[in-house]
Amino acid sequence: MAFPRKRASGTYELSWKWKGKSYIKGLGTMDLTQAEQIKQDAVD
């Protein structure tokens, strides 16, 4: 399961685990609503 996480800089990143390995991808937004939308687009 992927979830948005806020960095110290204020931007959000998407964090998930797959096959026991952690992955992180910067989303380039400071808006939680927009981060959630990007997450939904990526997961669907």
C-alpha atoms as a PDB file:
ATOM      1  CA  MET A   1       0.000   0.000   0.000  1.00  0.00           C
ATOM      2  CA  ALA A   2       1.290   3.430  -0.945  1.00  0.00           C
ATOM      3  CA  PHE A   3       0.876   6.507   1.210  1.00  0.00           C
ATOM      4  CA  PRO A   4       1.862  10.181   0.919  1.00  0.00           C
ATOM      5  CA  ARG A   5       4.427  11.397   3.433  1.00  0.00           C
ATOM      6  CA  LYS A   6       5.479  14.989   4.117  1.00  0.00           C
ATOM      7  CA  ARG A   7       9.197  15.785   3.907  1.00  0.00           C
ATOM      8  CA  ALA A   8      10.945  18.289   6.164  1.00  0.00           C
ATOM      9  CA  SER A   9      11.022  20.700   3.202  1.00  0.00           C
ATOM     10  CA  GLY A  10       7.209  20.660   3.088  1.00  0.00           C
ATOM     11  CA  THR A  11       6.809  18.712  -0.148  1.00  0.00           C
ATOM     12  CA  TYR A  12       5.119  15.325  -0.293  1.00  0.00           C
ATOM     13  CA  GLU A  13       6.534  12.016  -1.410  1.00  0.00           C
ATOM     14  CA  LEU A  14       4.894   8.690  -2.125  1.00  0.00           C
ATOM     15  CA  SER A  15       6.208   5.779  -0.092  1.00  0.00           C
ATOM     16  CA  TRP A  16       5.437   2.088  -0.631  1.00  0.00           C
ATOM     17  CA  LYS A  17       6.849  -1.393  -0.203  1.00  0.00           C
ATOM     18  CA  TRP A  18       6.962  -4.041  -2.896  1.00  0.00           C
ATOM     19  CA  LYS A  19       8.433  -7.523  -2.513  1.00  0.00           C
ATOM     20  CA  GLY A  20      10.006  -6.517   0.803  1.00  0.00           C
ATOM     21  CA  LYS A  21      11.798  -3.446  -0.563  1.00  0.00           C
ATOM     22  CA  SER A  22      10.917   0.187   0.230  1.00  0.00           C
ATOM     23  CA  TYR A  23      10.434   2.745  -2.519  1.00  0.00           C
ATOM     24  CA  ILE A  24      10.032   6.538  -2.340  1.00  0.00           C
ATOM     25  CA  LYS A  25       9.060   8.928  -5.135  1.00  0.00           C
ATOM     26  CA  GLY A  26       8.871  12.702  -4.747  1.00  0.00           C
ATOM     27  CA  LEU A  27       5.541  14.166  -5.861  1.00  0.00           C
ATOM     28  CA  GLY A  28       6.641  17.785  -6.243  1.00  0.00           C
ATOM     29  CA  THR A  29       3.669  19.296  -4.420  1.00  0.00           C
ATOM     30  CA  MET A  30       3.098  20.921  -1.032  1.00  0.00           C
ATOM     31  CA  ASP A  31      -0.664  20.311  -1.128  1.00  0.00           C
ATOM     32  CA  LEU A  32      -1.972  17.149   0.583  1.00  0.00           C
ATOM     33  CA  THR A  33      -5.108  17.058  -1.573  1.00  0.00           C
ATOM     34  CA  GLN A  34      -3.043  17.125  -4.741  1.00  0.00           C
ATOM     35  CA  ALA A  35      -0.688  14.463  -3.319  1.00  0.00           C
ATOM     36  CA  GLU A  36      -3.667  12.198  -2.603  1.00  0.00           C
ATOM     37  CA  GLN A  37      -4.915  12.716  -6.175  1.00  0.00           C
ATOM     38  CA  ILE A  38      -1.501  11.795  -7.614  1.00  0.00           C
ATOM     39  CA  LYS A  39      -1.499   8.691  -5.406  1.00  0.00           C
ATOM     40  CA  GLN A  40      -4.946   7.648  -6.671  1.00  0.00           C
ATOM     41  CA  ASP A  41      -3.843   8.156 -10.291  1.00  0.00           C
ATOM     42  CA  ALA A  42      -0.719   6.037  -9.723  1.00  0.00           C
ATOM     43  CA  VAL A  43      -2.484   3.200  -7.904  1.00  0.00           C
ATOM     44  CA  ASP A  44      -5.481   2.880 -10.244  1.00  0.00           C
END
